[in-house]
Amino acid sequence: MSKRATATKATASERVRALPWATILQAGVLIGRRWRSLSAKDRARLRRLVGDSRGRLGTLSVKQRLELRRLVGKLDLRGLAGELAGLSRAGRGQRRRHRRRRARA
C-alpha cells in the first residue's frame, strides 16, 4: 500500500471520529418519531408512492401526487426542520465576541 493511500485512510478515520455522533443520533430519533407518527397504512403507502416515482414526481399521476403531498404534510417537515436546526445550534458552544480595545492617545 502506498504512503498516500495510508495517509488518506488515516484522514478518513479521523473525519469519522470528528463527527458529532450525539447530534446525529438525536436527529435520527427525531426523524424516526415523525415517521412512526404516521399509521402503518400511511407509511406503507408513502413508501410505495416514493418507490413508484423513483424520485421523480412527473412519473406519478395527479391523484398520486396529491396523495403524496397529503402524506408528506402529515410528517410536518417544517416542524422537523426547526427541531433539527435547534439541534445544530445546541451542539455548538456559545461563542463570545471580544471587543477590540481602542489604543489610547
Protein backbone atom coordinates (compact mmCIF):
# COMPACT_ATOMS: atom_id res chain seq x y z
CA MET A 1 0.00 0.00 0.00
CA SER A 2 1.36 3.44 -0.87
CA LYS A 3 2.03 6.13 1.69
CA ARG A 4 -0.62 8.30 0.12
CA ALA A 5 -3.32 5.60 0.45
CA THR A 6 -2.38 5.08 4.11
CA ALA A 7 -2.48 8.80 4.77
CA THR A 8 -5.88 9.08 3.10
CA LYS A 9 -7.30 6.27 5.22
CA ALA A 10 -5.97 7.89 8.39
CA THR A 11 -7.58 11.17 7.46
CA ALA A 12 -10.88 9.47 6.67
CA SER A 13 -10.93 7.70 10.03
CA GLU A 14 -10.10 10.96 11.76
CA ARG A 15 -13.00 12.58 9.95
CA VAL A 16 -15.36 9.84 11.11
CA ARG A 17 -14.19 10.26 14.71
CA ALA A 18 -14.70 14.01 14.47
CA LEU A 19 -18.38 13.70 13.54
CA PRO A 20 -20.87 14.91 16.17
CA TRP A 21 -22.30 11.44 16.79
CA ALA A 22 -24.63 12.51 19.61
CA THR A 23 -26.27 15.10 17.36
CA ILE A 24 -26.58 12.63 14.50
CA LEU A 25 -28.21 10.12 16.85
CA GLN A 26 -30.66 12.74 18.16
CA ALA A 27 -31.56 13.68 14.58
CA GLY A 28 -32.24 10.02 13.81
CA VAL A 29 -34.52 9.77 16.83
CA LEU A 30 -36.46 12.87 15.75
CA ILE A 31 -36.87 11.60 12.19
CA GLY A 32 -37.94 8.16 13.44
CA ARG A 33 -40.51 9.73 15.75
CA ARG A 34 -42.04 11.64 12.83
CA TRP A 35 -42.08 8.51 10.70
CA ARG A 36 -43.74 6.43 13.44
CA SER A 37 -46.36 9.14 13.94
CA LEU A 38 -47.88 8.01 10.63
CA SER A 39 -50.15 4.99 10.72
CA ALA A 40 -48.74 1.74 9.36
CA LYS A 41 -51.08 2.08 6.37
CA ASP A 42 -49.85 5.63 5.63
CA ARG A 43 -46.19 4.59 5.98
CA ALA A 44 -46.69 1.71 3.56
CA ARG A 45 -48.49 3.94 1.07
CA LEU A 46 -45.84 6.66 1.30
CA ARG A 47 -43.09 4.07 0.75
CA ARG A 48 -44.97 2.73 -2.25
CA LEU A 49 -45.51 6.16 -3.82
CA VAL A 50 -41.89 7.18 -3.38
CA GLY A 51 -40.71 3.85 -4.76
CA ASP A 52 -43.03 4.06 -7.76
CA SER A 53 -41.94 7.62 -8.51
CA ARG A 54 -38.21 6.75 -8.27
CA GLY A 55 -37.71 10.31 -7.02
CA ARG A 56 -39.45 11.91 -10.00
CA LEU A 57 -42.86 13.41 -9.31
CA GLY A 58 -43.62 13.51 -13.03
CA THR A 59 -43.93 9.72 -13.08
CA LEU A 60 -46.90 9.87 -10.69
CA SER A 61 -50.46 10.70 -11.71
CA VAL A 62 -52.03 13.91 -10.44
CA LYS A 63 -54.06 11.91 -7.93
CA GLN A 64 -50.93 10.13 -6.67
CA ARG A 65 -49.06 13.44 -6.35
CA LEU A 66 -51.88 14.89 -4.26
CA GLU A 67 -51.84 11.80 -2.05
CA LEU A 68 -48.06 12.04 -1.68
CA ARG A 69 -48.37 15.72 -0.71
CA ARG A 70 -51.04 14.86 1.88
CA LEU A 71 -48.88 12.12 3.43
CA VAL A 72 -45.75 14.29 3.50
CA GLY A 73 -47.83 17.05 5.09
CA LYS A 74 -48.65 14.66 7.93
CA LEU A 75 -44.91 14.32 8.60
CA ASP A 76 -44.71 18.08 9.32
CA LEU A 77 -41.31 18.52 7.72
CA ARG A 78 -41.21 22.23 8.55
CA GLY A 79 -41.53 21.42 12.23
CA LEU A 80 -38.85 18.77 11.85
CA ALA A 81 -36.56 21.29 10.17
CA GLY A 82 -36.98 23.61 13.15
CA GLU A 83 -36.17 20.84 15.59
CA LEU A 84 -33.11 19.80 13.59
CA ALA A 85 -31.93 23.41 13.41
CA GLY A 86 -32.26 23.57 17.18
CA LEU A 87 -30.01 20.52 17.45
CA SER A 88 -27.29 22.13 15.38
CA ARG A 89 -27.41 25.29 17.50
CA ALA A 90 -27.38 23.31 20.73
CA GLY A 91 -24.37 21.29 19.60
CA ARG A 92 -22.20 24.34 19.32
CA GLY A 93 -20.86 26.05 22.37
CA GLN A 94 -21.68 29.66 22.93
CA ARG A 95 -19.03 31.87 21.50
CA ARG A 96 -18.28 35.22 22.96
CA ARG A 97 -17.27 38.12 20.87
CA HIS A 98 -14.32 40.01 22.13
CA ARG A 99 -14.27 43.71 21.71
CA ARG A 100 -11.16 45.26 20.41
CA ARG A 101 -9.77 47.82 22.75
CA ARG A 102 -9.01 51.19 21.34
CA ALA A 103 -5.50 52.41 21.63
CA ARG A 104 -5.32 55.37 23.98
CA ALA A 105 -3.93 58.52 22.53
